[in-house]
Amino acid sequence: MRSVILLLLIIPIYVLCSVTELTSINWSTEVQGDYLIKFYAPWCGHCRRMEPMYNELCSPTQKHLTSTKCGKVDGTSERGLSAVFDITGFPSMFYVSPDNKSVYKYKGRRSVEALKEYVGVGGGWEEDEPMSFWTGPYGIVGRGKWALLVVGAEVYKVYEYLEPTLGMWGAGVVVGGGGILGMSLVIVGCMVWTQNRIMEQHNKRD
């Protein structure tokens, strides 16, 4: 009986809190635009005080948001994502535009009312300047950081797989050679993507 009562108490709390824990693994599949993201640190007092407000804002029952999803990133464990977003303090909040091409750093008041007026179609973000195309998360520097983050994780997995068979030095040589080739492909890919983005912006102006 106690277990049933405890379960009934926990389920509403879980349902009401619609905030996804984002990581470098689930980011590409989860974040598809129109997304509010909070970077936090477990030891941060401001982050802990902000948590109830953020959960209230993102609760499905409050109807503050239409299609906007909410997520949070532990900046202390997800250092790669923190580097991509150039996090220098906690909490830090960002909004990914509905077209999934621009990122806006939120600098307003940390309240339900202020945030719900900022996100979504027709929100205050439309009057803000997005993060720089060159240095923002989806710009050329940001894409380079993303590539390093993804490639680094995969390279380490390969090293762990080879090390028991080839030994530390053997696995290191194989991984190092593959890493040089991989980085060359990444650089070429970034150059092609940047050129295409510049052409898109030029065509829009025309």
Protein backbone atom coordinates (compact mmCIF):
# COMPACT_ATOMS: atom_id res chain seq x y z
CA MET A 1 0.00 0.00 0.00
CA ARG A 2 2.82 2.39 0.86
CA SER A 3 4.43 1.69 -2.53
CA VAL A 4 1.21 2.58 -4.33
CA ILE A 5 0.84 5.85 -2.42
CA LEU A 6 4.47 6.78 -3.09
CA LEU A 7 4.03 6.01 -6.79
CA LEU A 8 0.92 8.20 -6.95
CA LEU A 9 2.89 11.05 -5.41
CA ILE A 10 5.86 10.69 -7.77
CA ILE A 11 3.98 10.33 -11.07
CA PRO A 12 2.38 13.82 -11.04
CA ILE A 13 5.77 15.41 -10.29
CA TYR A 14 7.36 13.56 -13.21
CA VAL A 15 4.53 14.39 -15.61
CA LEU A 16 4.41 18.07 -14.69
CA CYS A 17 8.12 18.52 -15.27
CA SER A 18 8.68 18.47 -19.03
CA VAL A 19 12.37 19.37 -19.15
CA THR A 20 14.69 17.10 -21.14
CA GLU A 21 18.22 16.46 -19.88
CA LEU A 22 20.35 17.20 -22.95
CA THR A 23 23.73 15.63 -23.61
CA SER A 24 26.17 15.45 -26.50
CA ILE A 25 24.66 12.06 -27.32
CA ASN A 26 20.98 13.00 -27.64
CA TRP A 27 21.43 16.63 -28.78
CA SER A 28 21.23 16.09 -32.54
CA THR A 29 18.06 13.99 -32.32
CA GLU A 30 16.34 15.99 -29.59
CA VAL A 31 17.04 19.63 -30.47
CA GLN A 32 15.24 20.34 -33.76
CA GLY A 33 14.44 24.04 -33.35
CA ASP A 34 12.05 26.08 -31.17
CA TYR A 35 13.94 24.95 -28.10
CA LEU A 36 14.68 26.75 -24.82
CA ILE A 37 17.88 25.52 -23.18
CA LYS A 38 19.35 26.15 -19.76
CA PHE A 39 22.97 25.44 -18.87
CA TYR A 40 23.41 24.83 -15.15
CA ALA A 41 25.84 23.52 -12.56
CA PRO A 42 24.77 21.29 -9.64
CA TRP A 43 26.71 23.46 -7.17
CA CYS A 44 25.24 26.75 -8.47
CA GLY A 45 22.91 28.44 -5.96
CA HIS A 46 21.29 30.64 -8.63
CA CYS A 47 20.57 27.51 -10.70
CA ARG A 48 18.90 25.75 -7.78
CA ARG A 49 16.73 28.78 -7.04
CA MET A 50 15.77 29.01 -10.70
CA GLU A 51 14.79 25.33 -11.00
CA PRO A 52 11.17 25.61 -9.72
CA MET A 53 10.47 28.57 -12.01
CA TYR A 54 11.91 26.77 -15.03
CA ASN A 55 9.89 23.63 -14.29
CA GLU A 56 6.75 25.73 -13.93
CA LEU A 57 7.41 27.46 -17.24
CA CYS A 58 7.92 24.15 -19.02
CA SER A 59 5.03 22.32 -17.40
CA PRO A 60 2.53 21.02 -20.01
CA THR A 61 -0.37 21.98 -17.76
CA GLN A 62 0.53 25.66 -17.65
CA LYS A 63 0.13 26.24 -21.41
CA HIS A 64 2.77 28.97 -21.35
CA LEU A 65 4.44 27.50 -24.40
CA THR A 66 2.87 26.32 -27.65
CA SER A 67 5.39 24.23 -29.57
CA THR A 68 8.50 25.27 -27.65
CA LYS A 69 10.35 22.47 -25.89
CA CYS A 70 12.56 22.86 -22.84
CA GLY A 71 15.89 21.30 -22.04
CA LYS A 72 18.76 21.63 -19.63
CA VAL A 73 22.45 20.82 -19.80
CA ASP A 74 24.75 20.03 -16.89
CA GLY A 75 27.63 22.27 -17.91
CA THR A 76 30.04 20.57 -15.51
CA SER A 77 29.68 17.12 -17.05
CA GLU A 78 28.93 18.22 -20.64
CA ARG A 79 32.04 20.31 -21.11
CA GLY A 80 31.98 19.82 -24.85
CA LEU A 81 28.56 21.44 -25.15
CA SER A 82 29.66 24.19 -22.78
CA ALA A 83 32.61 24.90 -25.08
CA VAL A 84 30.36 24.97 -28.16
CA PHE A 85 28.07 27.53 -26.49
CA ASP A 86 31.00 29.41 -24.93
CA ILE A 87 29.57 29.14 -21.42
CA THR A 88 31.31 31.45 -18.93
CA GLY A 89 28.80 31.35 -16.07
CA PHE A 90 25.72 29.61 -14.70
CA PRO A 91 22.87 29.63 -15.29
CA SER A 92 23.01 30.54 -18.99
CA MET A 93 19.96 30.35 -21.24
CA PHE A 94 19.62 30.04 -25.00
CA TYR A 95 16.81 29.81 -27.50
CA VAL A 96 17.14 27.86 -30.76
CA SER A 97 14.94 29.41 -33.45
CA PRO A 98 12.14 27.34 -35.07
CA ASP A 99 14.16 26.97 -38.30
CA ASN A 100 16.99 25.42 -36.23
CA LYS A 101 19.53 27.76 -37.83
CA SER A 102 19.97 30.57 -35.30
CA VAL A 103 20.72 30.64 -31.58
CA TYR A 104 19.85 33.54 -29.27
CA LYS A 105 21.36 34.10 -25.85
CA TYR A 106 18.66 35.09 -23.39
CA LYS A 107 19.59 38.15 -21.34
CA GLY A 108 16.23 39.12 -19.87
CA ARG A 109 14.62 38.57 -16.49
CA ARG A 110 14.49 35.04 -15.14
CA SER A 111 10.75 34.79 -14.63
CA VAL A 112 7.91 32.77 -16.14
CA GLU A 113 6.28 35.90 -17.55
CA ALA A 114 9.44 37.22 -19.20
CA LEU A 115 10.47 33.88 -20.68
CA LYS A 116 7.07 32.96 -22.09
CA GLU A 117 7.01 36.32 -23.92
CA TYR A 118 10.44 35.64 -25.39
CA VAL A 119 10.07 32.21 -27.02
CA GLY A 120 7.88 30.87 -29.82
CA VAL A 121 6.48 32.46 -32.97
CA GLY A 122 6.18 36.21 -32.52
CA GLY A 123 8.28 36.11 -29.37
CA GLY A 124 10.81 38.66 -28.20
CA TRP A 125 13.68 36.66 -29.69
CA GLU A 126 12.66 37.95 -33.14
CA GLU A 127 13.78 41.43 -32.12
CA ASP A 128 17.16 40.21 -30.82
CA GLU A 129 20.38 39.69 -32.71
CA PRO A 130 21.31 36.00 -33.02
CA MET A 131 24.69 34.77 -31.95
CA SER A 132 27.35 35.44 -34.59
CA PHE A 133 27.32 33.26 -37.68
CA TRP A 134 31.08 32.83 -37.35
CA THR A 135 31.39 32.14 -33.62
CA GLY A 136 27.89 30.93 -32.64
CA PRO A 137 27.08 27.23 -32.04
CA TYR A 138 25.88 26.79 -35.63
CA GLY A 139 28.56 29.00 -37.19
CA ILE A 140 31.89 27.92 -38.64
CA VAL A 141 33.69 27.95 -35.27
CA GLY A 142 30.77 26.29 -33.52
CA ARG A 143 30.54 23.61 -36.23
CA GLY A 144 34.24 22.98 -35.79
CA LYS A 145 33.75 22.52 -32.06
CA TRP A 146 30.80 20.19 -32.70
CA ALA A 147 32.94 18.14 -35.07
CA LEU A 148 35.76 17.89 -32.53
CA LEU A 149 33.26 16.88 -29.84
CA VAL A 150 31.75 14.10 -31.95
CA VAL A 151 35.01 12.89 -33.47
CA GLY A 152 36.77 12.92 -30.09
CA ALA A 153 34.08 10.73 -28.52
CA GLU A 154 34.21 8.25 -31.40
CA VAL A 155 38.02 8.16 -31.46
CA TYR A 156 38.11 7.32 -27.76
CA LYS A 157 35.64 4.45 -28.32
CA VAL A 158 37.88 3.06 -31.07
CA TYR A 159 40.94 3.36 -28.83
CA GLU A 160 39.19 1.50 -26.00
CA TYR A 161 38.22 -1.25 -28.45
CA LEU A 162 41.75 -1.67 -29.90
CA GLU A 163 43.83 -1.21 -26.76
CA PRO A 164 43.34 -4.73 -25.29
CA THR A 165 44.49 -6.29 -28.60
CA LEU A 166 47.15 -3.89 -29.91
CA GLY A 167 48.33 -2.42 -26.65
CA MET A 168 48.55 1.25 -25.73
CA TRP A 169 51.10 2.24 -28.39
CA GLY A 170 49.62 0.16 -31.20
CA ALA A 171 46.12 1.48 -30.59
CA GLY A 172 47.51 5.00 -30.34
CA VAL A 173 49.24 4.75 -33.74
CA VAL A 174 46.11 3.41 -35.47
CA VAL A 175 43.82 5.97 -33.85
CA GLY A 176 46.28 8.81 -34.50
CA GLY A 177 46.53 8.02 -38.22
CA GLY A 178 42.76 7.76 -38.52
CA GLY A 179 42.39 10.99 -36.57
CA ILE A 180 44.53 12.94 -39.04
CA LEU A 181 42.46 11.65 -41.94
CA GLY A 182 39.22 12.37 -40.09
CA MET A 183 40.23 15.94 -39.25
CA SER A 184 41.07 16.58 -42.89
CA LEU A 185 37.58 15.48 -43.90
CA VAL A 186 36.04 17.62 -41.15
CA ILE A 187 37.89 20.73 -42.34
CA VAL A 188 36.74 20.15 -45.92
CA GLY A 189 33.18 19.57 -44.73
CA CYS A 190 33.16 22.80 -42.70
CA MET A 191 34.46 24.76 -45.67
CA VAL A 192 31.73 23.37 -47.96
CA TRP A 193 29.00 24.02 -45.35
CA THR A 194 30.20 27.59 -44.78
CA GLN A 195 30.26 28.33 -48.50
CA ASN A 196 26.70 27.02 -48.88
CA ARG A 197 25.51 29.12 -45.93
CA ILE A 198 27.10 32.27 -47.36
CA MET A 199 25.40 31.61 -50.70
CA GLU A 200 22.03 31.13 -48.94
CA GLN A 201 22.36 34.49 -47.17
CA HIS A 202 23.45 36.17 -50.42
CA ASN A 203 20.42 34.75 -52.27
CA LYS A 204 18.08 35.97 -49.52
CA ARG A 205 19.41 39.52 -49.82
CA ASP A 206 18.86 39.37 -53.59
